[in-house]
Amino acid sequence: MQFGRKSEKLERQIEQLQLRLEATEMIHAEKVAALAPPPENVERVARPAHQPLPADLRREVQTILPKEEACQDCG
């Protein structure tokens, strides 16, 4: 383990190398994804849109009030 300027320089170099590695991995992943053809045997299923609930559906409105109107400790 080094102390002083040399260790700081070494840490910066390590950080730069890690950033380069991440960038290289991202570029590689993008190239692989671009080269891979989409699977042909997978069917695309459209998800149905949300539809409103039926008008004849029974609805209940419940209002829940707190047991007390003010805080017991501070009022």
PDB file of N, CA and C in Angstrom:
ATOM      1  N   MET A   1       0.854  -1.177   0.000  1.00  0.00           N
ATOM      2  CA  MET A   1       0.000   0.000   0.000  1.00  0.00           C
ATOM      3  C   MET A   1       0.894   1.232   0.000  1.00  0.00           C
ATOM      4  N   GLN A   2       0.618   2.145  -0.862  1.00  0.00           N
ATOM      5  CA  GLN A   2       1.395   3.369  -0.932  1.00  0.00           C
ATOM      6  C   GLN A   2       0.594   4.505  -0.310  1.00  0.00           C
ATOM      7  N   PHE A   3       1.331   5.467   0.200  1.00  0.00           N
ATOM      8  CA  PHE A   3       0.690   6.628   0.806  1.00  0.00           C
ATOM      9  C   PHE A   3       1.174   7.879   0.081  1.00  0.00           C
ATOM     10  N   GLY A   4       0.321   8.892   0.074  1.00  0.00           N
ATOM     11  CA  GLY A   4       0.726  10.148  -0.549  1.00  0.00           C
ATOM     12  C   GLY A   4       0.216  10.264  -1.967  1.00  0.00           C
ATOM     13  N   ARG A   5       0.927  11.082  -2.757  1.00  0.00           N
ATOM     14  CA  ARG A   5       0.497  11.368  -4.129  1.00  0.00           C
ATOM     15  C   ARG A   5       0.434  10.128  -5.009  1.00  0.00           C
ATOM     16  N   LYS A   6       1.360   9.217  -4.820  1.00  0.00           N
ATOM     17  CA  LYS A   6       1.383   8.027  -5.664  1.00  0.00           C
ATOM     18  C   LYS A   6       0.118   7.191  -5.468  1.00  0.00           C
ATOM     19  N   SER A   7      -0.337   7.062  -4.225  1.00  0.00           N
ATOM     20  CA  SER A   7      -1.538   6.265  -3.985  1.00  0.00           C
ATOM     21  C   SER A   7      -2.761   6.956  -4.565  1.00  0.00           C
ATOM     22  N   GLU A   8      -2.821   8.275  -4.500  1.00  0.00           N
ATOM     23  CA  GLU A   8      -3.942   9.009  -5.084  1.00  0.00           C
ATOM     24  C   GLU A   8      -3.941   8.835  -6.600  1.00  0.00           C
ATOM     25  N   LYS A   9      -2.780   8.876  -7.204  1.00  0.00           N
ATOM     26  CA  LYS A   9      -2.663   8.704  -8.650  1.00  0.00           C
ATOM     27  C   LYS A   9      -3.107   7.297  -9.045  1.00  0.00           C
ATOM     28  N   LEU A  10      -2.713   6.331  -8.247  1.00  0.00           N
ATOM     29  CA  LEU A  10      -3.083   4.951  -8.513  1.00  0.00           C
ATOM     30  C   LEU A  10      -4.604   4.771  -8.416  1.00  0.00           C
ATOM     31  N   GLU A  11      -5.218   5.388  -7.420  1.00  0.00           N
ATOM     32  CA  GLU A  11      -6.668   5.295  -7.262  1.00  0.00           C
ATOM     33  C   GLU A  11      -7.381   5.908  -8.464  1.00  0.00           C
ATOM     34  N   ARG A  12      -6.902   7.049  -8.951  1.00  0.00           N
ATOM     35  CA  ARG A  12      -7.506   7.692 -10.125  1.00  0.00           C
ATOM     36  C   ARG A  12      -7.365   6.808 -11.349  1.00  0.00           C
ATOM     37  N   GLN A  13      -6.213   6.165 -11.497  1.00  0.00           N
ATOM     38  CA  GLN A  13      -6.011   5.284 -12.638  1.00  0.00           C
ATOM     39  C   GLN A  13      -6.969   4.090 -12.580  1.00  0.00           C
ATOM     40  N   ILE A  14      -7.147   3.551 -11.395  1.00  0.00           N
ATOM     41  CA  ILE A  14      -8.075   2.423 -11.231  1.00  0.00           C
ATOM     42  C   ILE A  14      -9.497   2.852 -11.592  1.00  0.00           C
ATOM     43  N   GLU A  15      -9.907   4.022 -11.133  1.00  0.00           N
ATOM     44  CA  GLU A  15     -11.245   4.520 -11.449  1.00  0.00           C
ATOM     45  C   GLU A  15     -11.424   4.703 -12.954  1.00  0.00           C
ATOM     46  N   GLN A  16     -10.405   5.258 -13.607  1.00  0.00           N
ATOM     47  CA  GLN A  16     -10.481   5.461 -15.048  1.00  0.00           C
ATOM     48  C   GLN A  16     -10.578   4.129 -15.788  1.00  0.00           C
ATOM     49  N   LEU A  17      -9.802   3.142 -15.335  1.00  0.00           N
ATOM     50  CA  LEU A  17      -9.857   1.833 -15.969  1.00  0.00           C
ATOM     51  C   LEU A  17     -11.227   1.182 -15.775  1.00  0.00           C
ATOM     52  N   GLN A  18     -11.827   1.354 -14.606  1.00  0.00           N
ATOM     53  CA  GLN A  18     -13.154   0.805 -14.364  1.00  0.00           C
ATOM     54  C   GLN A  18     -14.187   1.459 -15.281  1.00  0.00           C
ATOM     55  N   LEU A  19     -14.076   2.771 -15.471  1.00  0.00           N
ATOM     56  CA  LEU A  19     -15.000   3.467 -16.362  1.00  0.00           C
ATOM     57  C   LEU A  19     -14.842   2.984 -17.800  1.00  0.00           C
ATOM     58  N   ARG A  20     -13.602   2.794 -18.226  1.00  0.00           N
ATOM     59  CA  ARG A  20     -13.359   2.291 -19.579  1.00  0.00           C
ATOM     60  C   ARG A  20     -13.925   0.884 -19.748  1.00  0.00           C
ATOM     61  N   LEU A  21     -13.751   0.054 -18.731  1.00  0.00           N
ATOM     62  CA  LEU A  21     -14.263  -1.303 -18.783  1.00  0.00           C
ATOM     63  C   LEU A  21     -15.782  -1.293 -18.904  1.00  0.00           C
ATOM     64  N   GLU A  22     -16.455  -0.471 -18.113  1.00  0.00           N
ATOM     65  CA  GLU A  22     -17.908  -0.372 -18.180  1.00  0.00           C
ATOM     66  C   GLU A  22     -18.351   0.091 -19.564  1.00  0.00           C
ATOM     67  N   ALA A  23     -17.680   1.091 -20.111  1.00  0.00           N
ATOM     68  CA  ALA A  23     -18.034   1.601 -21.437  1.00  0.00           C
ATOM     69  C   ALA A  23     -17.839   0.516 -22.491  1.00  0.00           C
ATOM     70  N   THR A  24     -16.752  -0.234 -22.387  1.00  0.00           N
ATOM     71  CA  THR A  24     -16.483  -1.303 -23.339  1.00  0.00           C
ATOM     72  C   THR A  24     -17.546  -2.390 -23.232  1.00  0.00           C
ATOM     73  N   GLU A  25     -17.941  -2.738 -22.023  1.00  0.00           N
ATOM     74  CA  GLU A  25     -18.968  -3.758 -21.841  1.00  0.00           C
ATOM     75  C   GLU A  25     -20.300  -3.296 -22.428  1.00  0.00           C
ATOM     76  N   MET A  26     -20.632  -2.028 -22.255  1.00  0.00           N
ATOM     77  CA  MET A  26     -21.884  -1.496 -22.804  1.00  0.00           C
ATOM     78  C   MET A  26     -21.864  -1.540 -24.330  1.00  0.00           C
ATOM     79  N   ILE A  27     -20.753  -1.136 -24.927  1.00  0.00           N
ATOM     80  CA  ILE A  27     -20.630  -1.157 -26.383  1.00  0.00           C
ATOM     81  C   ILE A  27     -20.758  -2.588 -26.898  1.00  0.00           C
ATOM     82  N   HIS A  28     -20.111  -3.525 -26.222  1.00  0.00           N
ATOM     83  CA  HIS A  28     -20.180  -4.923 -26.617  1.00  0.00           C
ATOM     84  C   HIS A  28     -21.619  -5.435 -26.525  1.00  0.00           C
ATOM     85  N   ALA A  29     -22.311  -5.110 -25.450  1.00  0.00           N
ATOM     86  CA  ALA A  29     -23.695  -5.562 -25.280  1.00  0.00           C
ATOM     87  C   ALA A  29     -24.590  -4.984 -26.371  1.00  0.00           C
ATOM     88  N   GLU A  30     -24.371  -3.731 -26.741  1.00  0.00           N
ATOM     89  CA  GLU A  30     -25.167  -3.114 -27.803  1.00  0.00           C
ATOM     90  C   GLU A  30     -24.911  -3.805 -29.142  1.00  0.00           C
ATOM     91  N   LYS A  31     -23.659  -4.129 -29.414  1.00  0.00           N
ATOM     92  CA  LYS A  31     -23.329  -4.811 -30.671  1.00  0.00           C
ATOM     93  C   LYS A  31     -23.962  -6.194 -30.713  1.00  0.00           C
ATOM     94  N   VAL A  32     -23.899  -6.924 -29.612  1.00  0.00           N
ATOM     95  CA  VAL A  32     -24.482  -8.259 -29.559  1.00  0.00           C
ATOM     96  C   VAL A  32     -25.992  -8.172 -29.757  1.00  0.00           C
ATOM     97  N   ALA A  33     -26.624  -7.188 -29.125  1.00  0.00           N
ATOM     98  CA  ALA A  33     -28.071  -7.035 -29.259  1.00  0.00           C
ATOM     99  C   ALA A  33     -28.449  -6.672 -30.688  1.00  0.00           C
ATOM    100  N   ALA A  34     -27.621  -5.876 -31.353  1.00  0.00           N
ATOM    101  CA  ALA A  34     -27.913  -5.473 -32.731  1.00  0.00           C
ATOM    102  C   ALA A  34     -27.737  -6.647 -33.697  1.00  0.00           C
ATOM    103  N   LEU A  35     -26.822  -7.549 -33.407  1.00  0.00           N
ATOM    104  CA  LEU A  35     -26.561  -8.675 -34.292  1.00  0.00           C
ATOM    105  C   LEU A  35     -27.558  -9.804 -34.116  1.00  0.00           C
ATOM    106  N   ALA A  36     -28.116  -9.934 -32.933  1.00  0.00           N
ATOM    107  CA  ALA A  36     -29.029 -11.036 -32.651  1.00  0.00           C
ATOM    108  C   ALA A  36     -30.375 -10.766 -33.315  1.00  0.00           C
ATOM    109  N   PRO A  37     -30.840 -11.680 -34.161  1.00  0.00           N
ATOM    110  CA  PRO A  37     -32.148 -11.486 -34.793  1.00  0.00           C
ATOM    111  C   PRO A  37     -33.254 -11.691 -33.765  1.00  0.00           C
ATOM    112  N   PRO A  38     -34.365 -11.013 -33.936  1.00  0.00           N
ATOM    113  CA  PRO A  38     -35.459 -11.214 -32.984  1.00  0.00           C
ATOM    114  C   PRO A  38     -36.002 -12.635 -33.103  1.00  0.00           C
ATOM    115  N   PRO A  39     -36.403 -13.241 -32.013  1.00  0.00           N
ATOM    116  CA  PRO A  39     -36.918 -14.605 -32.073  1.00  0.00           C
ATOM    117  C   PRO A  39     -38.201 -14.641 -32.906  1.00  0.00           C
ATOM    118  N   GLU A  40     -38.273 -15.624 -33.805  1.00  0.00           N
ATOM    119  CA  GLU A  40     -39.413 -15.713 -34.701  1.00  0.00           C
ATOM    120  C   GLU A  40     -40.550 -16.540 -34.123  1.00  0.00           C
ATOM    121  N   ASN A  41     -40.251 -17.433 -33.216  1.00  0.00           N
ATOM    122  CA  ASN A  41     -41.276 -18.325 -32.693  1.00  0.00           C
ATOM    123  C   ASN A  41     -42.047 -17.715 -31.511  1.00  0.00           C
ATOM    124  N   VAL A  42     -41.699 -16.516 -31.123  1.00  0.00           N
ATOM    125  CA  VAL A  42     -42.386 -15.870 -30.006  1.00  0.00           C
ATOM    126  C   VAL A  42     -43.498 -14.997 -30.565  1.00  0.00           C
ATOM    127  N   GLU A  43     -44.706 -15.239 -30.097  1.00  0.00           N
ATOM    128  CA  GLU A  43     -45.840 -14.441 -30.550  1.00  0.00           C
ATOM    129  C   GLU A  43     -45.936 -13.168 -29.726  1.00  0.00           C
ATOM    130  N   ARG A  44     -46.212 -12.101 -30.400  1.00  0.00           N
ATOM    131  CA  ARG A  44     -46.408 -10.832 -29.718  1.00  0.00           C
ATOM    132  C   ARG A  44     -47.859 -10.759 -29.278  1.00  0.00           C
ATOM    133  N   VAL A  45     -48.067 -10.598 -27.999  1.00  0.00           N
ATOM    134  CA  VAL A  45     -49.415 -10.526 -27.455  1.00  0.00           C
ATOM    135  C   VAL A  45     -49.656  -9.105 -26.983  1.00  0.00           C
ATOM    136  N   ALA A  46     -50.672  -8.491 -27.548  1.00  0.00           N
ATOM    137  CA  ALA A  46     -51.015  -7.137 -27.129  1.00  0.00           C
ATOM    138  C   ALA A  46     -51.789  -7.219 -25.823  1.00  0.00           C
ATOM    139  N   ARG A  47     -51.387  -6.414 -24.894  1.00  0.00           N
ATOM    140  CA  ARG A  47     -52.083  -6.390 -23.617  1.00  0.00           C
ATOM    141  C   ARG A  47     -53.370  -5.593 -23.773  1.00  0.00           C
ATOM    142  N   PRO A  48     -54.456  -6.102 -23.230  1.00  0.00           N
ATOM    143  CA  PRO A  48     -55.708  -5.356 -23.353  1.00  0.00           C
ATOM    144  C   PRO A  48     -55.641  -4.070 -22.534  1.00  0.00           C
ATOM    145  N   ALA A  49     -56.277  -3.046 -23.063  1.00  0.00           N
ATOM    146  CA  ALA A  49     -56.313  -1.766 -22.348  1.00  0.00           C
ATOM    147  C   ALA A  49     -57.279  -1.889 -21.176  1.00  0.00           C
ATOM    148  N   HIS A  50     -57.043  -1.106 -20.164  1.00  0.00           N
ATOM    149  CA  HIS A  50     -57.949  -1.110 -19.016  1.00  0.00           C
ATOM    150  C   HIS A  50     -59.287  -0.539 -19.437  1.00  0.00           C
ATOM    151  N   GLN A  51     -60.340  -1.215 -19.058  1.00  0.00           N
ATOM    152  CA  GLN A  51     -61.675  -0.750 -19.385  1.00  0.00           C
ATOM    153  C   GLN A  51     -62.379  -0.347 -18.102  1.00  0.00           C
ATOM    154  N   PRO A  52     -63.294   0.599 -18.185  1.00  0.00           N
ATOM    155  CA  PRO A  52     -63.994   1.032 -16.976  1.00  0.00           C
ATOM    156  C   PRO A  52     -64.858  -0.094 -16.419  1.00  0.00           C
ATOM    157  N   LEU A  53     -65.120  -0.002 -15.144  1.00  0.00           N
ATOM    158  CA  LEU A  53     -65.964  -0.998 -14.493  1.00  0.00           C
ATOM    159  C   LEU A  53     -67.388  -0.876 -15.023  1.00  0.00           C
ATOM    160  N   PRO A  54     -68.145  -1.961 -15.004  1.00  0.00           N
ATOM    161  CA  PRO A  54     -69.531  -1.898 -15.485  1.00  0.00           C
ATOM    162  C   PRO A  54     -70.367  -0.935 -14.639  1.00  0.00           C
ATOM    163  N   ALA A  55     -71.321  -0.273 -15.286  1.00  0.00           N
ATOM    164  CA  ALA A  55     -72.157   0.717 -14.591  1.00  0.00           C
ATOM    165  C   ALA A  55     -73.078   0.054 -13.582  1.00  0.00           C
ATOM    166  N   ASP A  56     -73.453  -1.202 -13.813  1.00  0.00           N
ATOM    167  CA  ASP A  56     -74.386  -1.871 -12.902  1.00  0.00           C
ATOM    168  C   ASP A  56     -73.694  -2.475 -11.678  1.00  0.00           C
ATOM    169  N   LEU A  57     -72.412  -2.308 -11.583  1.00  0.00           N
ATOM    170  CA  LEU A  57     -71.669  -2.836 -10.443  1.00  0.00           C
ATOM    171  C   LEU A  57     -72.012  -2.030  -9.192  1.00  0.00           C
ATOM    172  N   ARG A  58     -72.351  -2.742  -8.112  1.00  0.00           N
ATOM    173  CA  ARG A  58     -72.718  -2.082  -6.874  1.00  0.00           C
ATOM    174  C   ARG A  58     -71.489  -1.412  -6.258  1.00  0.00           C
ATOM    175  N   ARG A  59     -71.655  -0.197  -5.809  1.00  0.00           N
ATOM    176  CA  ARG A  59     -70.537   0.552  -5.225  1.00  0.00           C
ATOM    177  C   ARG A  59     -70.881   0.980  -3.810  1.00  0.00           C
ATOM    178  N   GLU A  60     -69.897   0.911  -2.952  1.00  0.00           N
ATOM    179  CA  GLU A  60     -70.055   1.358  -1.574  1.00  0.00           C
ATOM    180  C   GLU A  60     -68.989   2.396  -1.274  1.00  0.00           C
ATOM    181  N   VAL A  61     -69.385   3.454  -0.599  1.00  0.00           N
ATOM    182  CA  VAL A  61     -68.442   4.482  -0.188  1.00  0.00           C
ATOM    183  C   VAL A  61     -68.273   4.342   1.319  1.00  0.00           C
ATOM    184  N   GLN A  62     -67.056   4.132   1.757  1.00  0.00           N
ATOM    185  CA  GLN A  62     -66.766   4.021   3.186  1.00  0.00           C
ATOM    186  C   GLN A  62     -65.841   5.152   3.587  1.00  0.00           C
ATOM    187  N   THR A  63     -66.254   5.904   4.597  1.00  0.00           N
ATOM    188  CA  THR A  63     -65.427   6.970   5.134  1.00  0.00           C
ATOM    189  C   THR A  63     -64.951   6.527   6.503  1.00  0.00           C
ATOM    190  N   ILE A  64     -63.652   6.471   6.679  1.00  0.00           N
ATOM    191  CA  ILE A  64     -63.072   6.042   7.948  1.00  0.00           C
ATOM    192  C   ILE A  64     -62.480   7.267   8.613  1.00  0.00           C
ATOM    193  N   LEU A  65     -63.022   7.603   9.766  1.00  0.00           N
ATOM    194  CA  LEU A  65     -62.577   8.770  10.517  1.00  0.00           C
ATOM    195  C   LEU A  65     -61.643   8.324  11.632  1.00  0.00           C
ATOM    196  N   PRO A  66     -60.707   9.178  12.031  1.00  0.00           N
ATOM    197  CA  PRO A  66     -59.832   8.824  13.156  1.00  0.00           C
ATOM    198  C   PRO A  66     -60.643   8.760  14.446  1.00  0.00           C
ATOM    199  N   LYS A  67     -60.132   7.974  15.388  1.00  0.00           N
ATOM    200  CA  LYS A  67     -60.841   7.829  16.661  1.00  0.00           C
ATOM    201  C   LYS A  67     -60.865   9.132  17.440  1.00  0.00           C
ATOM    202  N   GLU A  68     -59.812   9.892  17.344  1.00  0.00           N
ATOM    203  CA  GLU A  68     -59.724  11.165  18.055  1.00  0.00           C
ATOM    204  C   GLU A  68     -59.384  12.265  17.063  1.00  0.00           C
ATOM    205  N   GLU A  69     -59.826  13.486  17.379  1.00  0.00           N
ATOM    206  CA  GLU A  69     -59.605  14.591  16.461  1.00  0.00           C
ATOM    207  C   GLU A  69     -58.247  15.251  16.652  1.00  0.00           C
ATOM    208  N   ALA A  70     -57.649  15.091  17.817  1.00  0.00           N
ATOM    209  CA  ALA A  70     -56.374  15.726  18.090  1.00  0.00           C
ATOM    210  C   ALA A  70     -55.418  14.724  18.733  1.00  0.00           C
ATOM    211  N   CYS A  71     -54.156  15.015  18.678  1.00  0.00           N
ATOM    212  CA  CYS A  71     -53.118  14.187  19.274  1.00  0.00           C
ATOM    213  C   CYS A  71     -53.259  14.232  20.798  1.00  0.00           C
ATOM    214  N   GLN A  72     -53.170  13.078  21.433  1.00  0.00           N
ATOM    215  CA  GLN A  72     -53.289  13.020  22.891  1.00  0.00           C
ATOM    216  C   GLN A  72     -52.128  13.733  23.589  1.00  0.00           C
ATOM    217  N   ASP A  73     -50.923  13.663  22.990  1.00  0.00           N
ATOM    218  CA  ASP A  73     -49.745  14.221  23.631  1.00  0.00           C
ATOM    219  C   ASP A  73     -49.694  15.743  23.511  1.00  0.00           C
ATOM    220  N   CYS A  74     -49.917  16.267  22.325  1.00  0.00           N
ATOM    221  CA  CYS A  74     -49.712  17.712  22.129  1.00  0.00           C
ATOM    222  C   CYS A  74     -51.008  18.477  21.897  1.00  0.00           C
ATOM    223  N   GLY A  75     -52.122  17.743  21.740  1.00  0.00           N
ATOM    224  CA  GLY A  75     -53.414  18.404  21.555  1.00  0.00           C
ATOM    225  C   GLY A  75     -53.549  18.965  20.188  1.00  0.00           C
TER     226      GLY A  75
END
